[in-house]
Protein backbone atom coordinates (compact mmCIF):
# COMPACT_ATOMS: atom_id res chain seq x y z
CA MET A 1 42.39 109.45 80.36
CA GLY A 2 41.05 112.72 81.60
CA ARG A 3 39.26 115.06 78.75
CA LYS A 4 42.56 118.05 79.47
CA GLN A 5 44.88 114.85 79.51
CA LYS A 6 43.19 114.22 76.09
CA GLU A 7 43.21 118.19 74.89
CA LEU A 8 46.55 118.14 75.98
CA LYS A 9 47.43 115.24 73.70
CA GLU A 10 45.07 116.75 70.51
CA GLN A 11 47.41 119.79 70.49
CA LYS A 12 49.68 120.16 68.19
CA VAL A 13 52.92 121.55 69.63
CA GLU A 14 55.38 123.93 67.29
CA PRO A 15 58.85 123.36 68.01
CA ILE A 16 60.09 127.09 69.12
CA LYS A 17 61.19 129.48 66.78
CA ASN A 18 64.36 131.33 67.19
CA GLY A 19 65.26 133.04 64.50
CA ASN A 20 67.53 130.75 61.61
CA ASN A 21 69.84 128.66 63.86
CA ARG A 22 66.82 125.96 63.76
CA ASN A 23 65.54 123.65 61.21
CA ASN A 24 61.60 122.94 61.30
CA LYS A 25 61.88 120.34 63.67
CA GLY A 26 63.41 123.31 66.43
CA GLN A 27 67.24 121.40 66.29
CA PHE A 28 70.00 123.43 65.98
CA VAL A 29 71.10 123.12 62.27
CA ALA A 30 74.94 122.85 61.23
CA GLY A 31 77.22 126.09 61.48
CA ASN A 32 74.96 127.33 64.64
CA THR A 33 76.94 129.82 66.71
CA ALA A 34 74.54 130.22 69.50
CA SER A 35 76.72 128.65 71.72
CA VAL A 36 79.47 129.75 70.71
CA GLY A 37 81.94 131.02 73.94
CA LYS A 38 79.83 128.80 76.09
CA GLY A 39 81.15 126.16 78.48
CA ARG A 40 83.73 126.02 80.58
CA PRO A 41 86.67 127.84 79.61
CA LYS A 42 89.93 126.86 78.21
CA GLY A 43 92.51 125.74 80.94
CA SER A 44 89.84 125.53 83.55
CA GLN A 45 89.94 122.26 85.53
CA SER A 46 86.96 120.13 86.50
CA ILE A 47 86.19 118.94 90.10
CA PRO A 48 87.18 115.65 90.13
CA ASP A 49 90.92 117.43 88.55
CA ILE A 50 91.12 119.29 91.41
CA LEU A 51 90.01 116.80 94.03
CA LYS A 52 92.76 114.45 92.66
CA LYS A 53 95.53 117.42 92.72
CA ILE A 54 94.92 118.13 96.15
CA GLY A 55 94.97 114.03 97.22
CA GLU A 56 98.11 113.95 95.89
CA GLU A 57 99.39 117.00 98.31
CA GLU A 58 101.43 115.73 101.39
CA GLY A 59 98.83 115.27 104.00
CA THR A 60 101.17 114.04 106.92
CA LEU A 61 104.92 114.40 108.36
CA ASP A 62 105.87 111.06 107.71
CA GLY A 63 104.88 112.32 103.38
CA LYS A 64 101.77 110.52 103.24
CA SER A 65 99.63 112.05 100.79
CA LYS A 66 95.87 113.35 101.60
CA LEU A 67 94.92 110.71 99.75
CA ASP A 68 96.41 108.03 101.72
CA VAL A 69 95.38 109.28 104.73
CA ILE A 70 91.74 109.71 103.81
CA MET A 71 91.86 105.83 102.52
CA TYR A 72 93.25 105.10 105.90
CA LYS A 73 90.69 106.55 107.74
CA VAL A 74 87.96 104.65 105.88
CA PHE A 75 89.53 101.57 106.23
CA GLN A 76 89.56 102.41 109.77
CA TYR A 77 86.08 102.89 109.83
CA ALA A 78 85.72 99.41 107.86
CA LEU A 79 87.74 97.91 111.08
CA GLU A 80 85.14 99.61 113.23
CA GLY A 81 82.24 97.97 111.67
CA LYS A 82 80.81 100.80 109.71
CA PRO A 83 78.65 99.19 106.50
CA TRP A 84 79.58 102.13 104.04
CA ALA A 85 82.90 102.21 104.18
CA VAL A 86 82.75 97.91 104.27
CA GLN A 87 80.86 98.81 100.59
CA PHE A 88 83.20 101.37 99.80
CA ILE A 89 86.72 99.52 100.34
CA ALA A 90 84.53 96.02 98.34
CA ASP A 91 83.17 98.04 95.44
CA ARG A 92 87.17 99.41 94.76
CA THR A 93 88.50 95.92 95.04
CA GLU A 94 86.10 93.59 94.48
CA GLY A 95 84.27 95.54 91.84
CA LYS A 96 80.64 96.55 91.92
CA ALA A 97 78.15 93.64 91.69
CA LYS A 98 76.08 93.55 88.78
CA GLU A 99 72.55 93.51 89.51
CA ILE A 100 70.51 91.12 88.36
CA ARG A 101 66.90 91.60 87.31
CA GLU A 102 64.52 89.45 86.25
CA VAL A 103 61.52 90.01 84.10
CA THR A 104 58.45 87.87 83.54
CA ASN A 105 55.91 88.09 81.02
CA LYS A 106 52.80 86.33 80.98
CA ASN A 107 50.83 87.84 78.29
CA GLU A 108 48.08 89.22 80.35
CA PRO A 109 46.61 92.36 78.87
CA ILE A 110 48.20 95.23 81.48
CA LYS A 111 44.78 96.57 83.52
CA ILE A 112 44.29 100.06 83.36
CA ILE A 113 42.41 102.44 86.07
CA THR A 114 41.35 105.60 85.66
CA ILE A 115 40.40 107.72 88.49
CA ASP A 116 38.93 111.21 87.71
């Protein structure tokens, strides 16, 4: 650890004082009104909700939804050999494969290299 890092580590950081709506750790106290009225307005929709609504709209003359049209196109790409389309379909039909990681512990000390 360099000298500058040691100095920063040794400094005691005090929480930001922001009125009386925080405790001694800098966390908001119960009944805090600092964020009242902020955030997504009531009645507004999230992006996934909007996309689902658009996807349900009629997309073709034969009555297929836009989402159906998109899924048929993805399937066509998979048949053409596009790896991303094959992966997309497999993830949604079979589920994503669990990722397994092997961790070994050799019980050896960790080597620390200091570069100044």
